[in-house]
Protein backbone atom coordinates (compact mmCIF):
# COMPACT_ATOMS: atom_id res chain seq x y z
CA UNK A 1 -14.61 103.22 6.99
CA UNK A 2 -14.56 107.38 7.37
CA UNK A 3 -12.51 109.67 9.13
CA UNK A 4 -9.98 107.50 10.50
CA UNK A 5 -6.24 109.62 11.42
CA UNK A 6 -3.93 107.30 12.80
CA UNK A 7 -0.06 107.20 12.82
CA UNK A 8 1.64 104.08 13.42
CA UNK A 9 5.07 104.06 14.30
CA UNK A 10 8.40 101.88 12.95
CA UNK A 11 8.31 98.45 15.72
CA UNK A 12 4.91 99.49 17.35
CA UNK A 13 2.59 96.18 18.26
CA UNK A 14 -1.09 97.56 17.89
CA UNK A 15 -4.22 95.64 18.94
CA UNK A 16 -7.06 97.18 16.36
CA UNK A 17 -10.66 96.65 17.91
CA UNK A 18 -14.41 98.07 17.21
CA UNK A 19 -17.55 96.51 16.88
CA UNK A 20 -18.50 94.19 13.90
CA UNK A 21 -18.60 96.74 10.66
CA UNK A 22 -16.31 99.50 12.37
CA UNK A 23 -13.92 99.05 9.42
CA UNK A 24 -10.92 97.17 10.78
CA UNK A 25 -10.03 94.41 7.91
CA UNK A 26 -10.69 97.37 5.37
CA UNK A 27 -7.85 99.56 6.92
CA UNK A 28 -5.74 96.37 7.28
CA UNK A 29 -6.46 96.05 3.50
CA UNK A 30 -5.80 99.76 3.12
CA UNK A 31 -2.59 99.42 4.65
CA UNK A 32 -1.68 96.13 2.81
CA UNK A 33 -2.32 98.08 -0.64
CA UNK A 34 -5.19 95.77 -1.30
CA UNK A 35 -7.58 98.58 -2.68
CA UNK A 36 -7.76 99.23 -6.18
CA UNK A 37 -8.19 102.98 -6.96
CA UNK A 38 -11.97 102.08 -8.59
CA UNK A 39 -12.94 99.49 -6.03
CA UNK A 40 -15.40 101.94 -3.82
CA UNK A 41 -15.24 105.79 -2.87
CA UNK A 42 -11.99 106.66 -1.05
CA UNK A 43 -10.90 109.86 0.45
CA UNK A 44 -7.81 111.10 2.42
CA UNK A 45 -4.08 109.85 1.89
CA UNK A 46 -2.51 106.79 3.38
CA UNK A 47 1.73 105.42 3.19
CA UNK A 48 3.70 103.06 4.52
CA UNK A 49 7.00 104.33 4.75
CA UNK A 50 6.03 107.24 3.28
CA UNK A 51 4.77 105.96 0.05
CA UNK A 52 1.79 104.41 -1.58
CA UNK A 53 1.03 101.09 0.39
CA UNK A 54 0.54 99.29 -3.56
CA UNK A 55 2.84 96.18 -4.68
CA UNK A 56 5.06 96.64 -1.32
CA UNK A 57 7.27 93.51 -0.80
CA UNK A 58 7.89 94.01 2.78
CA UNK A 59 3.96 93.83 3.89
CA UNK A 60 2.51 90.61 4.40
CA UNK A 61 -1.46 90.05 5.17
CA UNK A 62 -3.58 86.90 6.92
CA UNK A 63 -6.84 87.51 5.35
CA UNK A 64 -9.93 86.79 7.69
CA UNK A 65 -10.66 84.28 5.20
CA UNK A 66 -7.15 81.96 4.75
CA UNK A 67 -8.68 79.94 2.01
CA UNK A 68 -8.83 83.53 -0.15
CA UNK A 69 -4.93 83.27 -0.23
CA UNK A 70 -4.31 79.91 -0.81
CA UNK A 71 -3.48 79.43 -4.65
CA UNK A 72 -1.20 76.07 -4.53
CA UNK A 73 -2.02 72.65 -4.56
CA UNK A 74 0.52 71.56 -2.24
CA UNK A 75 1.19 72.75 1.01
CA UNK A 76 4.76 73.35 0.90
CA UNK A 77 4.34 74.98 -2.82
CA UNK A 78 1.80 77.44 -1.12
CA UNK A 79 4.07 78.96 1.43
CA UNK A 80 7.71 79.12 -1.42
CA UNK A 81 4.76 81.07 -3.58
CA UNK A 82 5.32 84.48 -2.06
CA UNK A 83 8.70 83.83 -1.50
CA UNK A 84 9.67 82.94 -5.23
CA UNK A 85 7.80 86.26 -6.11
CA UNK A 86 9.63 88.69 -4.08
CA UNK A 87 13.24 87.10 -5.57
CA UNK A 88 14.51 84.81 -2.49
CA UNK A 89 17.48 83.16 -4.02
CA UNK A 90 16.49 79.34 -4.59
CA UNK A 91 18.97 78.20 -2.11
CA UNK A 92 17.48 79.93 0.33
CA UNK A 93 13.36 79.11 -0.38
CA UNK A 94 12.97 75.75 0.80
CA UNK A 95 14.68 75.95 4.69
CA UNK A 96 12.37 78.79 4.87
CA UNK A 97 8.97 76.91 3.95
CA UNK A 98 10.19 74.06 6.62
CA UNK A 99 11.07 77.04 9.39
CA UNK A 100 7.85 78.68 8.84
CA UNK A 101 5.39 75.42 8.77
CA UNK A 102 7.46 74.48 11.88
CA UNK A 103 6.80 77.36 13.79
CA UNK A 104 3.36 77.95 13.18
CA UNK A 105 2.53 74.05 14.48
CA UNK A 106 1.57 72.94 10.92
CA UNK A 107 0.57 69.29 11.20
CA UNK A 108 1.79 68.23 7.66
CA UNK A 109 4.45 67.88 5.34
CA UNK A 110 5.20 70.05 2.35
CA UNK A 111 3.59 67.23 -0.12
CA UNK A 112 0.10 67.39 1.56
CA UNK A 113 -2.77 68.92 0.02
CA UNK A 114 -4.17 72.05 0.11
CA UNK A 115 -8.12 71.19 -0.75
CA UNK A 116 -7.43 68.47 2.27
CA UNK A 117 -7.35 71.04 5.00
CA UNK A 118 -9.83 72.16 7.71
CA UNK A 119 -10.41 75.87 8.18
CA UNK A 120 -7.75 76.41 11.33
CA UNK A 121 -4.90 73.83 9.25
CA UNK A 122 -5.88 76.61 6.55
CA UNK A 123 -4.95 79.84 8.75
CA UNK A 124 -1.67 78.02 10.06
CA UNK A 125 -0.74 77.41 6.58
CA UNK A 126 -1.68 81.05 5.51
CA UNK A 127 0.39 82.46 8.54
CA UNK A 128 3.51 80.37 7.81
CA UNK A 129 3.75 82.03 4.04
CA UNK A 130 2.99 85.88 5.79
CA UNK A 131 5.97 85.28 8.37
CA UNK A 132 8.17 83.17 5.64
CA UNK A 133 9.12 86.37 4.16
CA UNK A 134 10.45 88.04 7.29
CA UNK A 135 8.10 91.15 6.77
CA UNK A 136 8.58 94.49 8.40
CA UNK A 137 4.82 95.02 8.16
CA UNK A 138 2.70 92.39 9.74
CA UNK A 139 -1.11 92.86 9.43
CA UNK A 140 -3.27 89.97 10.48
CA UNK A 141 -6.99 89.80 10.80
CA UNK A 142 -8.21 87.18 13.47
CA UNK A 143 -5.34 84.90 13.13
CA UNK A 144 -6.81 82.34 15.88
CA UNK A 145 -10.45 83.01 14.65
CA UNK A 146 -10.94 78.74 14.10
CA UNK A 147 -8.12 77.63 16.16
CA UNK A 148 -8.80 75.53 19.08
CA UNK A 149 -6.91 77.04 22.31
CA UNK A 150 -3.97 74.91 21.53
CA UNK A 151 -3.47 75.73 18.12
CA UNK A 152 -4.24 79.37 18.94
CA UNK A 153 -1.79 79.60 21.19
CA UNK A 154 1.17 78.18 19.08
CA UNK A 155 0.01 80.66 16.71
CA UNK A 156 0.58 83.68 19.19
CA UNK A 157 3.96 81.78 19.91
CA UNK A 158 5.02 81.91 16.24
CA UNK A 159 4.18 85.94 16.02
CA UNK A 160 5.60 86.56 19.34
CA UNK A 161 9.10 85.29 17.78
CA UNK A 162 8.95 86.22 14.57
CA UNK A 163 8.49 89.81 16.45
CA UNK A 164 11.27 89.63 18.74
CA UNK A 165 13.82 88.52 15.70
CA UNK A 166 13.25 91.52 13.86
CA UNK A 167 11.73 95.26 15.17
CA UNK A 168 8.59 94.58 12.55
CA UNK A 169 5.60 96.27 12.85
CA UNK A 170 1.91 94.10 14.06
CA UNK A 171 -1.24 95.35 13.13
CA UNK A 172 -3.80 93.03 14.59
CA UNK A 173 -7.58 92.07 14.37
CA UNK A 174 -8.30 89.50 17.07
CA UNK A 175 -11.63 89.76 19.32
CA UNK A 176 -9.23 87.13 22.11
CA UNK A 177 -8.08 90.20 23.19
CA UNK A 178 -6.81 89.34 26.49
CA UNK A 179 -4.27 86.15 24.99
CA UNK A 180 -2.82 88.60 23.20
CA UNK A 181 -2.14 91.35 25.36
CA UNK A 182 1.46 90.30 26.46
CA UNK A 183 2.73 91.30 22.47
CA UNK A 184 0.88 94.35 22.62
CA UNK A 185 1.90 97.54 23.62
CA UNK A 186 -1.17 100.35 21.92
CA UNK A 187 -4.47 99.66 21.46
CA UNK A 188 -6.48 101.72 18.74
CA UNK A 189 -10.22 101.20 18.94
CA UNK A 190 -12.87 102.29 15.69
CA UNK A 191 -16.53 103.35 15.87
CA UNK A 192 -18.57 102.52 12.62
CA UNK A 193 -18.39 105.36 10.54
CA UNK A 194 -16.64 107.41 13.34
CA UNK A 195 -13.11 106.78 12.93
CA UNK A 196 -10.94 106.07 16.18
CA UNK A 197 -12.40 106.92 19.75
CA UNK A 198 -9.88 105.48 21.85
CA UNK A 199 -5.93 105.20 20.81
CA UNK A 200 -2.95 104.24 23.89
CA UNK A 201 -1.38 101.52 25.89
CA UNK A 202 -3.69 98.67 26.56
CA UNK A 203 -3.62 99.43 30.65
CA UNK A 204 -5.21 103.34 29.74
CA UNK A 205 -7.48 102.42 27.48
CA UNK A 206 -9.08 99.76 29.33
CA UNK A 207 -8.61 101.05 32.38
CA UNK A 208 -9.99 104.26 31.92
CA UNK A 209 -12.81 103.51 29.35
CA UNK A 210 -13.47 99.65 29.41
CA UNK A 211 -17.14 99.96 30.45
CA UNK A 212 -18.26 102.90 27.36
CA UNK A 213 -15.80 100.48 24.76
CA UNK A 214 -17.63 97.13 26.23
CA UNK A 215 -21.18 99.07 26.09
CA UNK A 216 -20.19 100.08 22.51
CA UNK A 217 -19.77 96.53 21.50
CA UNK A 218 -15.96 96.15 22.36
CA UNK A 219 -14.66 92.78 23.71
CA UNK A 220 -12.60 94.69 27.27
CA UNK A 221 -10.49 92.41 29.13
CA UNK A 222 -11.81 92.06 32.83
CA UNK A 223 -15.56 92.52 31.56
CA UNK A 224 -17.65 89.77 30.76
CA UNK A 225 -16.56 87.78 27.81
CA UNK A 226 -13.24 89.45 28.05
CA UNK A 227 -11.37 87.12 29.83
CA UNK A 228 -11.99 86.85 33.70
CA UNK A 229 -15.63 86.00 33.67
CA UNK A 230 -17.41 84.53 31.35
CA UNK A 231 -20.18 85.85 29.15
CA UNK A 232 -21.79 82.55 29.75
CA UNK A 233 -22.25 83.15 33.56
CA UNK A 234 -23.93 86.39 33.10
CA UNK A 235 -25.91 86.58 30.02
CA UNK A 236 -27.54 83.23 29.18
CA UNK A 237 -29.22 81.45 31.85
CA UNK A 238 -28.96 77.33 31.91
CA UNK A 239 -32.58 75.54 30.60
CA UNK A 240 -34.26 74.88 33.66
CA UNK A 241 -35.05 71.30 34.16
CA UNK A 242 -38.47 71.57 33.60
CA UNK A 243 -37.43 71.30 29.94
CA UNK A 244 -36.65 67.68 29.06
CA UNK A 245 -34.68 66.71 26.18
CA UNK A 246 -37.41 66.54 22.69
CA UNK A 247 -37.88 63.72 20.12
CA UNK A 248 -34.91 62.43 18.47
CA UNK A 249 -34.30 64.04 15.25
CA UNK A 250 -31.24 62.69 13.21
CA UNK A 251 -28.50 60.25 14.33
CA UNK A 252 -25.41 59.13 13.05
CA UNK A 253 -24.64 55.59 13.57
CA UNK A 254 -20.99 54.54 12.16
CA UNK A 255 -20.87 58.14 10.71
CA UNK A 256 -17.53 58.51 8.85
CA UNK A 257 -16.07 60.12 5.48
CA UNK A 258 -12.95 59.85 3.53
CA UNK A 259 -12.07 62.53 0.92
CA UNK A 260 -11.05 61.36 -2.32
CA UNK A 261 -7.09 60.30 -2.52
CA UNK A 262 -6.86 60.53 1.44
CA UNK A 263 -4.90 58.13 3.22
CA UNK A 264 -7.05 58.44 6.36
CA UNK A 265 -10.92 59.25 6.52
CA UNK A 266 -11.80 62.59 7.84
CA UNK A 267 -14.46 61.31 10.35
CA UNK A 268 -14.59 57.52 11.38
CA UNK A 269 -17.36 55.37 13.14
CA UNK A 270 -19.24 58.27 15.25
CA UNK A 271 -22.23 57.91 17.01
CA UNK A 272 -24.64 60.88 17.47
CA UNK A 273 -27.91 61.83 18.23
CA UNK A 274 -29.74 65.39 17.52
CA UNK A 275 -32.61 65.79 19.65
CA UNK A 276 -35.55 68.91 19.59
CA UNK A 277 -35.17 70.94 22.52
CA UNK A 278 -31.75 71.01 22.93
CA UNK A 279 -28.23 72.37 22.01
CA UNK A 280 -25.60 69.97 20.75
CA UNK A 281 -22.04 71.41 20.70
CA UNK A 282 -19.28 69.70 18.77
CA UNK A 283 -15.56 70.63 19.57
CA UNK A 284 -12.14 69.28 19.34
CA UNK A 285 -8.68 70.41 17.64
CA UNK A 286 -8.29 71.66 14.38
CA UNK A 287 -8.68 69.37 11.85
CA UNK A 288 -10.30 66.38 14.09
CA UNK A 289 -13.42 66.66 11.64
CA UNK A 290 -15.74 68.79 13.04
CA UNK A 291 -16.76 70.33 9.80
CA UNK A 292 -17.22 66.99 8.36
CA UNK A 293 -19.96 66.29 10.91
CA UNK A 294 -21.83 69.47 10.60
CA UNK A 295 -21.87 68.74 6.43
CA UNK A 296 -22.84 65.06 7.04
CA UNK A 297 -25.68 65.85 9.88
CA UNK A 298 -26.84 69.07 7.13
CA UNK A 299 -27.29 66.47 4.79
CA UNK A 300 -24.91 68.46 2.15
CA UNK A 301 -22.25 65.10 2.13
CA UNK A 302 -23.47 61.55 1.74
CA UNK A 303 -21.11 59.61 4.05
CA UNK A 304 -18.58 57.27 2.82
CA UNK A 305 -18.98 55.11 6.08
CA UNK A 306 -22.32 54.68 8.41
CA UNK A 307 -25.93 56.00 7.73
CA UNK A 308 -27.63 59.60 8.84
CA UNK A 309 -30.96 58.61 9.57
CA UNK A 310 -33.94 61.15 10.05
CA UNK A 311 -36.66 60.50 12.16
CA UNK A 312 -40.36 60.27 10.60
CA UNK A 313 -41.09 63.63 12.74
CA UNK A 314 -38.24 65.36 10.70
CA UNK A 315 -38.56 63.53 7.75
CA UNK A 316 -41.93 63.47 7.61
CA UNK A 317 -43.96 60.71 5.59
CA UNK A 318 -42.77 60.97 1.88
CA UNK A 319 -38.90 60.61 3.11
CA UNK A 320 -38.69 58.70 5.85
CA UNK A 321 -36.79 56.35 4.46
CA UNK A 322 -34.23 58.52 2.84
CA UNK A 323 -30.99 59.85 4.35
CA UNK A 324 -31.12 63.80 4.18
CA UNK A 325 -28.20 63.94 1.57
CA UNK A 326 -30.90 62.32 -0.88
CA UNK A 327 -34.03 65.10 -0.04
CA UNK A 328 -34.93 67.65 -2.55
CA UNK A 329 -33.04 70.56 -1.72
CA UNK A 330 -36.19 72.87 -0.98
CA UNK A 331 -37.43 70.34 1.36
CA UNK A 332 -34.11 70.34 2.95
CA UNK A 333 -33.68 73.73 4.22
CA UNK A 334 -37.10 73.77 5.73
CA UNK A 335 -36.07 70.56 7.51
CA UNK A 336 -32.11 71.08 8.54
CA UNK A 337 -30.59 74.82 8.09
CA UNK A 338 -26.67 74.76 7.12
CA UNK A 339 -24.52 77.42 7.90
CA UNK A 340 -21.07 76.95 6.89
CA UNK A 341 -17.61 77.75 8.27
CA UNK A 342 -17.01 79.80 5.13
CA UNK A 343 -20.03 82.19 5.07
CA UNK A 344 -19.58 83.77 1.84
CA UNK A 345 -19.77 79.73 0.29
CA UNK A 346 -23.46 79.97 0.57
CA UNK A 347 -24.33 83.34 -0.81
CA UNK A 348 -25.44 83.11 -4.18
CA UNK A 349 -27.75 86.78 -5.05
CA UNK A 350 -26.30 90.18 -5.34
CA UNK A 351 -28.28 91.42 -2.17
CA UNK A 352 -28.56 90.71 1.39
CA UNK A 353 -32.20 91.15 0.91
CA UNK A 354 -32.35 88.98 -1.65
CA UNK A 355 -30.33 86.46 -0.28
CA UNK A 356 -32.78 86.16 2.91
CA UNK A 357 -35.66 85.99 0.34
CA UNK A 358 -34.29 82.78 -1.55
CA UNK A 359 -35.06 80.18 1.38
CA UNK A 360 -38.95 81.79 2.23
CA UNK A 361 -39.54 81.75 -1.45
CA UNK A 362 -38.50 78.54 -2.52
CA UNK A 363 -40.34 76.68 0.30
CA UNK A 364 -43.68 78.16 -1.36
CA UNK A 365 -44.35 80.90 1.18
CA UNK A 366 -46.46 83.86 -0.02
CA UNK A 367 -44.64 87.43 -0.85
CA UNK A 368 -46.31 88.91 2.30
CA UNK A 369 -44.54 86.18 4.65
CA UNK A 370 -41.54 86.19 3.08
CA UNK A 371 -40.98 90.16 3.28
CA UNK A 372 -42.10 89.78 6.92
CA UNK A 373 -39.43 86.97 7.42
CA UNK A 374 -36.73 89.49 5.94
CA UNK A 375 -37.63 92.39 7.36
CA UNK A 376 -37.89 90.46 11.04
CA UNK A 377 -34.08 88.98 10.18
CA UNK A 378 -32.92 91.93 8.74
CA UNK A 379 -34.01 93.80 12.23
CA UNK A 380 -33.01 90.89 14.88
CA UNK A 381 -29.40 90.24 13.56
CA UNK A 382 -28.37 94.02 13.12
CA UNK A 383 -28.56 94.13 9.09
CA UNK A 384 -31.05 96.29 8.33
CA UNK A 385 -28.82 99.49 7.21
CA UNK A 386 -26.73 96.51 4.80
CA UNK A 387 -30.34 95.39 3.12
CA UNK A 388 -29.45 96.43 0.09
CA UNK A 389 -25.80 95.81 -0.13
CA UNK A 390 -24.01 93.19 -2.02
CA UNK A 391 -23.44 90.11 0.76
CA UNK A 392 -19.78 90.02 -0.42
CA UNK A 393 -19.19 93.59 0.46
CA UNK A 394 -20.08 93.08 4.20
CA UNK A 395 -17.43 92.66 7.46
CA UNK A 396 -16.43 89.13 8.03
CA UNK A 397 -18.63 89.20 11.45
CA UNK A 398 -21.71 91.21 9.15
CA UNK A 399 -21.50 88.04 6.41
CA UNK A 400 -21.30 85.43 9.30
CA UNK A 401 -24.86 87.13 10.48
CA UNK A 402 -26.66 87.06 7.39
CA UNK A 403 -25.36 83.19 6.62
CA UNK A 404 -27.13 82.44 10.01
CA UNK A 405 -30.46 84.60 8.90
CA UNK A 406 -30.36 82.64 5.74
CA UNK A 407 -30.53 79.56 7.43
CA UNK A 408 -33.28 80.81 9.81
CA UNK A 409 -35.29 82.38 7.01
CA UNK A 410 -36.62 78.84 5.36
CA UNK A 411 -37.82 78.16 9.62
CA UNK A 412 -35.61 75.24 9.55
CA UNK A 413 -36.67 72.54 12.71
CA UNK A 414 -32.44 71.42 12.90
CA UNK A 415 -30.20 74.43 12.53
CA UNK A 416 -26.45 73.17 11.92
CA UNK A 417 -23.82 75.87 12.55
CA UNK A 418 -20.04 75.84 12.03
CA UNK A 419 -18.13 78.49 14.63
CA UNK A 420 -21.40 80.48 14.15
CA UNK A 421 -19.90 83.19 16.57
CA UNK A 422 -16.85 83.72 14.41
CA UNK A 423 -16.20 87.55 14.22
CA UNK A 424 -18.88 89.12 16.75
CA UNK A 425 -18.24 92.32 18.93
CA UNK A 426 -19.59 91.93 22.27
CA UNK A 427 -23.00 92.93 21.42
CA UNK A 428 -23.64 91.15 18.31
CA UNK A 429 -22.29 87.88 20.15
CA UNK A 430 -24.52 87.90 22.59
CA UNK A 431 -27.58 88.70 20.83
CA UNK A 432 -26.98 85.91 18.48
CA UNK A 433 -26.38 83.50 21.26
CA UNK A 434 -29.66 84.42 22.91
CA UNK A 435 -31.30 83.82 19.46
CA UNK A 436 -30.51 80.24 19.57
CA UNK A 437 -31.26 79.94 23.03
CA UNK A 438 -34.97 80.76 22.08
CA UNK A 439 -34.74 78.80 18.87
CA UNK A 440 -33.77 75.79 21.26
CA UNK A 441 -36.45 76.42 24.01
CA UNK A 442 -39.41 77.23 21.15
CA UNK A 443 -38.52 73.17 20.01
CA UNK A 444 -35.31 73.01 17.57
CA UNK A 445 -32.41 71.69 17.73
CA UNK A 446 -29.46 73.14 17.60
CA UNK A 447 -25.97 71.70 16.72
CA UNK A 448 -22.47 73.99 17.01
CA UNK A 449 -19.02 72.97 16.01
CA UNK A 450 -17.25 75.72 17.71
CA UNK A 451 -14.18 76.40 19.54
CA UNK A 452 -15.72 79.09 21.58
CA UNK A 453 -15.54 78.08 25.20
CA UNK A 454 -18.27 80.76 26.48
CA UNK A 455 -20.49 79.54 23.79
CA UNK A 456 -20.38 75.78 24.96
CA UNK A 457 -20.93 77.27 28.47
CA UNK A 458 -23.87 79.37 27.79
CA UNK A 459 -25.64 77.29 25.57
CA UNK A 460 -25.08 73.53 25.03
CA UNK A 461 -26.73 70.58 26.42
CA UNK A 462 -24.97 68.02 25.68
CA UNK A 463 -20.90 67.85 23.75
CA UNK A 464 -19.02 65.66 21.48
CA UNK A 465 -15.49 65.85 21.70
CA UNK A 466 -13.69 64.74 18.56
CA UNK A 467 -10.38 64.40 17.83
CA UNK A 468 -8.42 62.34 14.50
CA UNK A 469 -11.57 62.06 13.08
CA UNK A 470 -12.80 60.09 16.19
CA UNK A 471 -15.40 60.68 18.95
CA UNK A 472 -13.33 60.79 22.37
CA UNK A 473 -16.20 61.53 25.01
CA UNK A 474 -20.06 62.87 24.98
CA UNK A 475 -21.16 65.05 28.08
CA UNK A 476 -24.57 65.66 29.04
CA UNK A 477 -25.00 68.97 30.98
CA UNK A 478 -28.04 68.72 33.75
């Protein structure tokens, strides 16, 4: 972020937009006083209520990665933590905790373990902690990114109620633009390295500069992918009927998993097939077991019920009798590539370039081949300018593209992706979708866990719908 001149008045509700890497999350963190003086090169000034924003109790922020702000073992304690730290009287704390958890539609009580939450449940818990204190400045970084549509609607309603009951200022980063517009009175658009390029009421910004902003990667309501028309209708054609389903590669039979100490399984008796030349979408409400299924299919978790079986075409003769979770890591990476819901969980080095080189190097490829693979992926996923950056300094959308690239680097036959389009702008979303479509058409099996209905409509040849750990419906598209 550089050259940003911006003044936000008390009580305004601002939607902050811009292409991936434009500095939206960086600006939110600056408003929240989260940048230490030695955390990087800094210039200019920033003030909240006329003072430096550091240590301001009346500011609440929801991070792009909700797991990063969960600090307690039990959910109720986690929401209470912030209230205790700003000195709320003890008698008021638990009523506020219960009210905040109810407001965001949190599905469990105060005693539930935080380490047993899905990504979407973590998001709702973190939002409950943010609104419980009744802040006058609310900073939300993609608060509905990992939520199913129904849960996202609950979150928007709870934010709307919190704003209606106060004169709080809202600064929101979100790609689901159309859904939030009823709460927004101002749109500010950033561009990478170039400051503010648009600022005004939504009807003015989108009405006069919509096509220009869309071309720059901004999600614009009324244009493909913005609201009324789906990107799926105009960008990626359905695969032709001449592409029959390929060989069976993976099969889950009676598949289930129960976390240690959990009262119920996260996943139970799911039957699923993964085939070459096909894209399979796994959908369902937050907490329904989708990410658990992805880890089981990826060979990263051993099932506690049923089995995952790989066919000889995928496993080869040496591992044909072993389930994927018992394969050696280098072989697993070349057969099944996984992209986690939280991309930073799979970063192992200090540079983007080195991260991409890990997989092909471990597979024994030559230095020249590794370099060619790395350079190709950097270019394909628009990470060239970040080749020597630390992966943890990337924006959320850039980290997501890097996590996809690291899985692709080992050229796996099966690709399992958990929320692959999270944090993407209009341009990178489109290019990521085209890349996955090409991989499918070239013979890969692509499994996507997602709440992104545009992605499902554009890419999926079949869908599996989970709810409460069970498969409710399986559909094959023709």
